[in-house]
Amino acid sequence: MVAFILESGLRFDGTITLGNIITALTFIFLAIIAWRDMNWRVKNLEDWRKTHEIDAHARDELIGRVELALTRITTIFEARKAR
């Protein structure tokens, strides 16, 4: 591959300046930071979802217990009303 490049006459472009190199390196650096930040945000969203999923499960269990207690109270009330 390298031999092909050398034989084809490809040469370093002398019009590339330090500004071009700094721009390219800055772009790569900022892309890496953006990727890291995106991973951090996704991780936080997943943690938030798991936390609230547990909260939702606990809420559903609590609602079930309240409904059971309400059913028992209603049964007792109906039994006393029937006397």
PDB file of N, CA and C in Angstrom:
ATOM      1  N   MET A   1       0.835  -1.190   0.000  1.00  0.00           N
ATOM      2  CA  MET A   1       0.000   0.000   0.000  1.00  0.00           C
ATOM      3  C   MET A   1       0.874   1.245   0.000  1.00  0.00           C
ATOM      4  N   VAL A   2       1.880   1.276   0.866  1.00  0.00           N
ATOM      5  CA  VAL A   2       2.767   2.433   0.924  1.00  0.00           C
ATOM      6  C   VAL A   2       3.529   2.570  -0.385  1.00  0.00           C
ATOM      7  N   ALA A   3       3.949   1.438  -0.955  1.00  0.00           N
ATOM      8  CA  ALA A   3       4.678   1.479  -2.226  1.00  0.00           C
ATOM      9  C   ALA A   3       3.793   2.061  -3.316  1.00  0.00           C
ATOM     10  N   PHE A   4       2.528   1.699  -3.322  1.00  0.00           N
ATOM     11  CA  PHE A   4       1.614   2.225  -4.327  1.00  0.00           C
ATOM     12  C   PHE A   4       1.487   3.740  -4.209  1.00  0.00           C
ATOM     13  N   ILE A   5       1.388   4.215  -2.973  1.00  0.00           N
ATOM     14  CA  ILE A   5       1.261   5.663  -2.756  1.00  0.00           C
ATOM     15  C   ILE A   5       2.510   6.382  -3.237  1.00  0.00           C
ATOM     16  N   LEU A   6       3.679   5.834  -2.946  1.00  0.00           N
ATOM     17  CA  LEU A   6       4.919   6.474  -3.375  1.00  0.00           C
ATOM     18  C   LEU A   6       5.079   6.429  -4.894  1.00  0.00           C
ATOM     19  N   GLU A   7       4.677   5.331  -5.515  1.00  0.00           N
ATOM     20  CA  GLU A   7       4.807   5.194  -6.963  1.00  0.00           C
ATOM     21  C   GLU A   7       3.805   6.054  -7.714  1.00  0.00           C
ATOM     22  N   SER A   8       2.644   6.320  -7.110  1.00  0.00           N
ATOM     23  CA  SER A   8       1.619   7.078  -7.820  1.00  0.00           C
ATOM     24  C   SER A   8       1.927   8.566  -7.856  1.00  0.00           C
ATOM     25  N   GLY A   9       2.911   8.986  -7.116  1.00  0.00           N
ATOM     26  CA  GLY A   9       3.300  10.381  -7.166  1.00  0.00           C
ATOM     27  C   GLY A   9       2.588  11.262  -6.151  1.00  0.00           C
ATOM     28  N   LEU A  10       1.923  10.666  -5.189  1.00  0.00           N
ATOM     29  CA  LEU A  10       1.284  11.467  -4.161  1.00  0.00           C
ATOM     30  C   LEU A  10       2.347  12.079  -3.267  1.00  0.00           C
ATOM     31  N   ARG A  11       2.231  13.351  -3.057  1.00  0.00           N
ATOM     32  CA  ARG A  11       3.210  14.058  -2.240  1.00  0.00           C
ATOM     33  C   ARG A  11       2.488  14.870  -1.172  1.00  0.00           C
ATOM     34  N   PHE A  12       3.212  15.280  -0.151  1.00  0.00           N
ATOM     35  CA  PHE A  12       2.664  16.132   0.894  1.00  0.00           C
ATOM     36  C   PHE A  12       2.260  17.464   0.296  1.00  0.00           C
ATOM     37  N   ASP A  13       1.083  17.912   0.637  1.00  0.00           N
ATOM     38  CA  ASP A  13       0.571  19.192   0.141  1.00  0.00           C
ATOM     39  C   ASP A  13       1.199  20.315   0.951  1.00  0.00           C
ATOM     40  N   GLY A  14       1.997  21.139   0.342  1.00  0.00           N
ATOM     41  CA  GLY A  14       2.694  22.212   1.022  1.00  0.00           C
ATOM     42  C   GLY A  14       1.803  23.355   1.440  1.00  0.00           C
ATOM     43  N   THR A  15       0.535  23.365   1.004  1.00  0.00           N
ATOM     44  CA  THR A  15      -0.354  24.469   1.378  1.00  0.00           C
ATOM     45  C   THR A  15      -1.015  24.239   2.733  1.00  0.00           C
ATOM     46  N   ILE A  16      -0.770  23.063   3.342  1.00  0.00           N
ATOM     47  CA  ILE A  16      -1.303  22.801   4.675  1.00  0.00           C
ATOM     48  C   ILE A  16      -0.486  23.611   5.669  1.00  0.00           C
ATOM     49  N   THR A  17      -1.182  24.398   6.467  1.00  0.00           N
ATOM     50  CA  THR A  17      -0.503  25.274   7.421  1.00  0.00           C
ATOM     51  C   THR A  17      -0.726  24.784   8.838  1.00  0.00           C
ATOM     52  N   LEU A  18      -0.061  25.446   9.769  1.00  0.00           N
ATOM     53  CA  LEU A  18      -0.227  25.116  11.173  1.00  0.00           C
ATOM     54  C   LEU A  18      -1.676  25.352  11.604  1.00  0.00           C
ATOM     55  N   GLY A  19      -2.315  26.349  11.019  1.00  0.00           N
ATOM     56  CA  GLY A  19      -3.721  26.625  11.321  1.00  0.00           C
ATOM     57  C   GLY A  19      -4.615  25.455  10.946  1.00  0.00           C
ATOM     58  N   ASN A  20      -4.353  24.832   9.802  1.00  0.00           N
ATOM     59  CA  ASN A  20      -5.130  23.661   9.394  1.00  0.00           C
ATOM     60  C   ASN A  20      -4.940  22.501  10.364  1.00  0.00           C
ATOM     61  N   ILE A  21      -3.727  22.297  10.797  1.00  0.00           N
ATOM     62  CA  ILE A  21      -3.435  21.205  11.728  1.00  0.00           C
ATOM     63  C   ILE A  21      -4.099  21.474  13.076  1.00  0.00           C
ATOM     64  N   ILE A  22      -4.005  22.708  13.563  1.00  0.00           N
ATOM     65  CA  ILE A  22      -4.638  23.059  14.840  1.00  0.00           C
ATOM     66  C   ILE A  22      -6.147  22.910  14.743  1.00  0.00           C
ATOM     67  N   THR A  23      -6.736  23.306  13.626  1.00  0.00           N
ATOM     68  CA  THR A  23      -8.174  23.163  13.435  1.00  0.00           C
ATOM     69  C   THR A  23      -8.580  21.687  13.462  1.00  0.00           C
ATOM     70  N   ALA A  24      -7.837  20.843  12.779  1.00  0.00           N
ATOM     71  CA  ALA A  24      -8.156  19.415  12.746  1.00  0.00           C
ATOM     72  C   ALA A  24      -8.028  18.799  14.136  1.00  0.00           C
ATOM     73  N   LEU A  25      -6.959  19.132  14.844  1.00  0.00           N
ATOM     74  CA  LEU A  25      -6.771  18.593  16.186  1.00  0.00           C
ATOM     75  C   LEU A  25      -7.855  19.091  17.139  1.00  0.00           C
ATOM     76  N   THR A  26      -8.244  20.354  17.000  1.00  0.00           N
ATOM     77  CA  THR A  26      -9.312  20.901  17.837  1.00  0.00           C
ATOM     78  C   THR A  26     -10.629  20.179  17.567  1.00  0.00           C
ATOM     79  N   PHE A  27     -10.910  19.936  16.294  1.00  0.00           N
ATOM     80  CA  PHE A  27     -12.134  19.225  15.931  1.00  0.00           C
ATOM     81  C   PHE A  27     -12.146  17.827  16.541  1.00  0.00           C
ATOM     82  N   ILE A  28     -11.046  17.113  16.455  1.00  0.00           N
ATOM     83  CA  ILE A  28     -10.963  15.766  17.011  1.00  0.00           C
ATOM     84  C   ILE A  28     -11.117  15.807  18.530  1.00  0.00           C
ATOM     85  N   PHE A  29     -10.447  16.769  19.174  1.00  0.00           N
ATOM     86  CA  PHE A  29     -10.537  16.920  20.627  1.00  0.00           C
ATOM     87  C   PHE A  29     -11.975  17.192  21.059  1.00  0.00           C
ATOM     88  N   LEU A  30     -12.658  18.105  20.376  1.00  0.00           N
ATOM     89  CA  LEU A  30     -14.033  18.445  20.733  1.00  0.00           C
ATOM     90  C   LEU A  30     -14.993  17.288  20.449  1.00  0.00           C
ATOM     91  N   ALA A  31     -14.723  16.511  19.410  1.00  0.00           N
ATOM     92  CA  ALA A  31     -15.556  15.340  19.120  1.00  0.00           C
ATOM     93  C   ALA A  31     -15.430  14.312  20.242  1.00  0.00           C
ATOM     94  N   ILE A  32     -14.217  14.127  20.764  1.00  0.00           N
ATOM     95  CA  ILE A  32     -14.009  13.181  21.869  1.00  0.00           C
ATOM     96  C   ILE A  32     -14.742  13.667  23.120  1.00  0.00           C
ATOM     97  N   ILE A  33     -14.660  14.958  23.419  1.00  0.00           N
ATOM     98  CA  ILE A  33     -15.344  15.510  24.584  1.00  0.00           C
ATOM     99  C   ILE A  33     -16.862  15.375  24.420  1.00  0.00           C
ATOM    100  N   ALA A  34     -17.370  15.647  23.218  1.00  0.00           N
ATOM    101  CA  ALA A  34     -18.817  15.520  22.986  1.00  0.00           C
ATOM    102  C   ALA A  34     -19.260  14.075  23.169  1.00  0.00           C
ATOM    103  N   TRP A  35     -18.477  13.125  22.703  1.00  0.00           N
ATOM    104  CA  TRP A  35     -18.805  11.707  22.854  1.00  0.00           C
ATOM    105  C   TRP A  35     -18.833  11.316  24.334  1.00  0.00           C
ATOM    106  N   ARG A  36     -17.831  11.781  25.090  1.00  0.00           N
ATOM    107  CA  ARG A  36     -17.779  11.481  26.521  1.00  0.00           C
ATOM    108  C   ARG A  36     -18.982  12.078  27.251  1.00  0.00           C
ATOM    109  N   ASP A  37     -19.321  13.312  26.891  1.00  0.00           N
ATOM    110  CA  ASP A  37     -20.457  13.981  27.516  1.00  0.00           C
ATOM    111  C   ASP A  37     -21.758  13.251  27.193  1.00  0.00           C
ATOM    112  N   MET A  38     -21.903  12.799  25.967  1.00  0.00           N
ATOM    113  CA  MET A  38     -23.107  12.066  25.580  1.00  0.00           C
ATOM    114  C   MET A  38     -23.213  10.765  26.359  1.00  0.00           C
ATOM    115  N   ASN A  39     -22.105  10.055  26.525  1.00  0.00           N
ATOM    116  CA  ASN A  39     -22.125   8.824  27.313  1.00  0.00           C
ATOM    117  C   ASN A  39     -22.523   9.105  28.753  1.00  0.00           C
ATOM    118  N   TRP A  40     -22.038  10.203  29.311  1.00  0.00           N
ATOM    119  CA  TRP A  40     -22.376  10.586  30.682  1.00  0.00           C
ATOM    120  C   TRP A  40     -23.868  10.871  30.802  1.00  0.00           C
ATOM    121  N   ARG A  41     -24.423  11.586  29.826  1.00  0.00           N
ATOM    122  CA  ARG A  41     -25.854  11.905  29.858  1.00  0.00           C
ATOM    123  C   ARG A  41     -26.709  10.651  29.746  1.00  0.00           C
ATOM    124  N   VAL A  42     -26.339   9.746  28.856  1.00  0.00           N
ATOM    125  CA  VAL A  42     -27.098   8.502  28.691  1.00  0.00           C
ATOM    126  C   VAL A  42     -27.045   7.686  29.971  1.00  0.00           C
ATOM    127  N   LYS A  43     -25.864   7.613  30.607  1.00  0.00           N
ATOM    128  CA  LYS A  43     -25.743   6.874  31.859  1.00  0.00           C
ATOM    129  C   LYS A  43     -26.647   7.486  32.926  1.00  0.00           C
ATOM    130  N   ASN A  44     -26.668   8.799  33.029  1.00  0.00           N
ATOM    131  CA  ASN A  44     -27.524   9.446  34.020  1.00  0.00           C
ATOM    132  C   ASN A  44     -29.003   9.197  33.734  1.00  0.00           C
ATOM    133  N   LEU A  45     -29.402   9.226  32.469  1.00  0.00           N
ATOM    134  CA  LEU A  45     -30.801   8.948  32.128  1.00  0.00           C
ATOM    135  C   LEU A  45     -31.177   7.516  32.472  1.00  0.00           C
ATOM    136  N   GLU A  46     -30.269   6.574  32.224  1.00  0.00           N
ATOM    137  CA  GLU A  46     -30.556   5.183  32.569  1.00  0.00           C
ATOM    138  C   GLU A  46     -30.675   5.005  34.077  1.00  0.00           C
ATOM    139  N   ASP A  47     -29.786   5.649  34.830  1.00  0.00           N
ATOM    140  CA  ASP A  47     -29.877   5.579  36.294  1.00  0.00           C
ATOM    141  C   ASP A  47     -31.186   6.182  36.784  1.00  0.00           C
ATOM    142  N   TRP A  48     -31.581   7.314  36.215  1.00  0.00           N
ATOM    143  CA  TRP A  48     -32.831   7.974  36.604  1.00  0.00           C
ATOM    144  C   TRP A  48     -34.023   7.071  36.315  1.00  0.00           C
ATOM    145  N   ARG A  49     -34.004   6.433  35.140  1.00  0.00           N
ATOM    146  CA  ARG A  49     -35.106   5.546  34.756  1.00  0.00           C
ATOM    147  C   ARG A  49     -35.204   4.352  35.705  1.00  0.00           C
ATOM    148  N   LYS A  50     -34.061   3.768  36.050  1.00  0.00           N
ATOM    149  CA  LYS A  50     -34.072   2.622  36.969  1.00  0.00           C
ATOM    150  C   LYS A  50     -34.579   3.037  38.344  1.00  0.00           C
ATOM    151  N   THR A  51     -34.159   4.203  38.817  1.00  0.00           N
ATOM    152  CA  THR A  51     -34.603   4.681  40.129  1.00  0.00           C
ATOM    153  C   THR A  51     -36.103   4.891  40.140  1.00  0.00           C
ATOM    154  N   HIS A  52     -36.621   5.517  39.098  1.00  0.00           N
ATOM    155  CA  HIS A  52     -38.056   5.778  39.061  1.00  0.00           C
ATOM    156  C   HIS A  52     -38.864   4.526  38.759  1.00  0.00           C
ATOM    157  N   GLU A  53     -38.247   3.564  38.110  1.00  0.00           N
ATOM    158  CA  GLU A  53     -38.926   2.289  37.886  1.00  0.00           C
ATOM    159  C   GLU A  53     -39.130   1.589  39.224  1.00  0.00           C
ATOM    160  N   ILE A  54     -38.116   1.636  40.088  1.00  0.00           N
ATOM    161  CA  ILE A  54     -38.243   1.050  41.422  1.00  0.00           C
ATOM    162  C   ILE A  54     -39.310   1.799  42.213  1.00  0.00           C
ATOM    163  N   ASP A  55     -39.304   3.137  42.102  1.00  0.00           N
ATOM    164  CA  ASP A  55     -40.313   3.934  42.789  1.00  0.00           C
ATOM    165  C   ASP A  55     -41.716   3.590  42.293  1.00  0.00           C
ATOM    166  N   ALA A  56     -41.854   3.381  41.000  1.00  0.00           N
ATOM    167  CA  ALA A  56     -43.159   3.030  40.435  1.00  0.00           C
ATOM    168  C   ALA A  56     -43.605   1.671  40.956  1.00  0.00           C
ATOM    169  N   HIS A  57     -42.676   0.735  41.078  1.00  0.00           N
ATOM    170  CA  HIS A  57     -43.022  -0.589  41.607  1.00  0.00           C
ATOM    171  C   HIS A  57     -43.485  -0.469  43.060  1.00  0.00           C
ATOM    172  N   ALA A  58     -42.776   0.306  43.844  1.00  0.00           N
ATOM    173  CA  ALA A  58     -43.164   0.508  45.248  1.00  0.00           C
ATOM    174  C   ALA A  58     -44.523   1.201  45.336  1.00  0.00           C
ATOM    175  N   ARG A  59     -44.763   2.162  44.440  1.00  0.00           N
ATOM    176  CA  ARG A  59     -46.049   2.865  44.426  1.00  0.00           C
ATOM    177  C   ARG A  59     -47.176   1.897  44.097  1.00  0.00           C
ATOM    178  N   ASP A  60     -46.963   1.043  43.098  1.00  0.00           N
ATOM    179  CA  ASP A  60     -47.992   0.069  42.730  1.00  0.00           C
ATOM    180  C   ASP A  60     -48.283  -0.892  43.881  1.00  0.00           C
ATOM    181  N   GLU A  61     -47.237  -1.293  44.585  1.00  0.00           N
ATOM    182  CA  GLU A  61     -47.429  -2.182  45.738  1.00  0.00           C
ATOM    183  C   GLU A  61     -48.216  -1.461  46.837  1.00  0.00           C
ATOM    184  N   LEU A  62     -47.899  -0.204  47.063  1.00  0.00           N
ATOM    185  CA  LEU A  62     -48.612   0.580  48.076  1.00  0.00           C
ATOM    186  C   LEU A  62     -50.080   0.758  47.703  1.00  0.00           C
ATOM    187  N   ILE A  63     -50.355   1.032  46.446  1.00  0.00           N
ATOM    188  CA  ILE A  63     -51.735   1.180  45.978  1.00  0.00           C
ATOM    189  C   ILE A  63     -52.497  -0.134  46.160  1.00  0.00           C
ATOM    190  N   GLY A  64     -51.836  -1.259  45.890  1.00  0.00           N
ATOM    191  CA  GLY A  64     -52.469  -2.565  46.105  1.00  0.00           C
ATOM    192  C   GLY A  64     -52.840  -2.790  47.561  1.00  0.00           C
ATOM    193  N   ARG A  65     -51.931  -2.400  48.460  1.00  0.00           N
ATOM    194  CA  ARG A  65     -52.219  -2.549  49.889  1.00  0.00           C
ATOM    195  C   ARG A  65     -53.363  -1.647  50.327  1.00  0.00           C
ATOM    196  N   VAL A  66     -53.398  -0.421  49.807  1.00  0.00           N
ATOM    197  CA  VAL A  66     -54.487   0.504  50.147  1.00  0.00           C
ATOM    198  C   VAL A  66     -55.817  -0.033  49.638  1.00  0.00           C
ATOM    199  N   GLU A  67     -55.835  -0.574  48.428  1.00  0.00           N
ATOM    200  CA  GLU A  67     -57.070  -1.152  47.887  1.00  0.00           C
ATOM    201  C   GLU A  67     -57.536  -2.330  48.730  1.00  0.00           C
ATOM    202  N   LEU A  68     -56.580  -3.163  49.171  1.00  0.00           N
ATOM    203  CA  LEU A  68     -56.941  -4.295  50.029  1.00  0.00           C
ATOM    204  C   LEU A  68     -57.519  -3.809  51.351  1.00  0.00           C
ATOM    205  N   ALA A  69     -56.901  -2.787  51.945  1.00  0.00           N
ATOM    206  CA  ALA A  69     -57.415  -2.233  53.201  1.00  0.00           C
ATOM    207  C   ALA A  69     -58.796  -1.626  52.994  1.00  0.00           C
ATOM    208  N   LEU A  70     -58.999  -0.938  51.877  1.00  0.00           N
ATOM    209  CA  LEU A  70     -60.295  -0.342  51.584  1.00  0.00           C
ATOM    210  C   LEU A  70     -61.363  -1.415  51.407  1.00  0.00           C
ATOM    211  N   THR A  71     -60.998  -2.507  50.769  1.00  0.00           N
ATOM    212  CA  THR A  71     -61.936  -3.620  50.607  1.00  0.00           C
ATOM    213  C   THR A  71     -62.322  -4.199  51.971  1.00  0.00           C
ATOM    214  N   ARG A  72     -61.347  -4.369  52.836  1.00  0.00           N
ATOM    215  CA  ARG A  72     -61.627  -4.897  54.174  1.00  0.00           C
ATOM    216  C   ARG A  72     -62.524  -3.940  54.955  1.00  0.00           C
ATOM    217  N   ILE A  73     -62.229  -2.647  54.883  1.00  0.00           N
ATOM    218  CA  ILE A  73     -63.045  -1.660  55.598  1.00  0.00           C
ATOM    219  C   ILE A  73     -64.472  -1.662  55.061  1.00  0.00           C
ATOM    220  N   THR A  74     -64.604  -1.743  53.731  1.00  0.00           N
ATOM    221  CA  THR A  74     -65.927  -1.771  53.125  1.00  0.00           C
ATOM    222  C   THR A  74     -66.698  -3.013  53.577  1.00  0.00           C
ATOM    223  N   THR A  75     -66.011  -4.151  53.641  1.00  0.00           N
ATOM    224  CA  THR A  75     -66.654  -5.388  54.095  1.00  0.00           C
ATOM    225  C   THR A  75     -67.125  -5.255  55.541  1.00  0.00           C
ATOM    226  N   ILE A  76     -66.268  -4.712  56.377  1.00  0.00           N
ATOM    227  CA  ILE A  76     -66.651  -4.516  57.779  1.00  0.00           C
ATOM    228  C   ILE A  76     -67.827  -3.545  57.893  1.00  0.00           C
ATOM    229  N   PHE A  77     -67.776  -2.467  57.135  1.00  0.00           N
ATOM    230  CA  PHE A  77     -68.871  -1.473  57.166  1.00  0.00           C
ATOM    231  C   PHE A  77     -70.188  -2.089  56.722  1.00  0.00           C
ATOM    232  N   GLU A  78     -70.150  -2.882  55.643  1.00  0.00           N
ATOM    233  CA  GLU A  78     -71.352  -3.528  55.147  1.00  0.00           C
ATOM    234  C   GLU A  78     -71.903  -4.530  56.164  1.00  0.00           C
ATOM    235  N   ALA A  79     -70.997  -5.261  56.824  1.00  0.00           N
ATOM    236  CA  ALA A  79     -71.422  -6.242  57.831  1.00  0.00           C
ATOM    237  C   ALA A  79     -72.097  -5.549  59.014  1.00  0.00           C
ATOM    238  N   ARG A  80     -71.556  -4.450  59.454  1.00  0.00           N
ATOM    239  CA  ARG A  80     -72.170  -3.705  60.581  1.00  0.00           C
ATOM    240  C   ARG A  80     -73.464  -3.046  60.161  1.00  0.00           C
ATOM    241  N   LYS A  81     -73.530  -2.610  58.924  1.00  0.00           N
ATOM    242  CA  LYS A  81     -74.741  -1.970  58.418  1.00  0.00           C
ATOM    243  C   LYS A  81     -75.880  -2.992  58.325  1.00  0.00           C
ATOM    244  N   ALA A  82     -75.541  -4.234  57.998  1.00  0.00           N
ATOM    245  CA  ALA A  82     -76.542  -5.292  57.847  1.00  0.00           C
ATOM    246  C   ALA A  82     -77.128  -5.715  59.202  1.00  0.00           C
ATOM    247  N   ARG A  83     -76.475  -5.486  60.299  1.00  0.00           N
ATOM    248  CA  ARG A  83     -76.967  -5.898  61.631  1.00  0.00           C
ATOM    249  C   ARG A  83     -78.134  -5.144  62.055  1.00  0.00           C
TER     250      ARG A  83
END
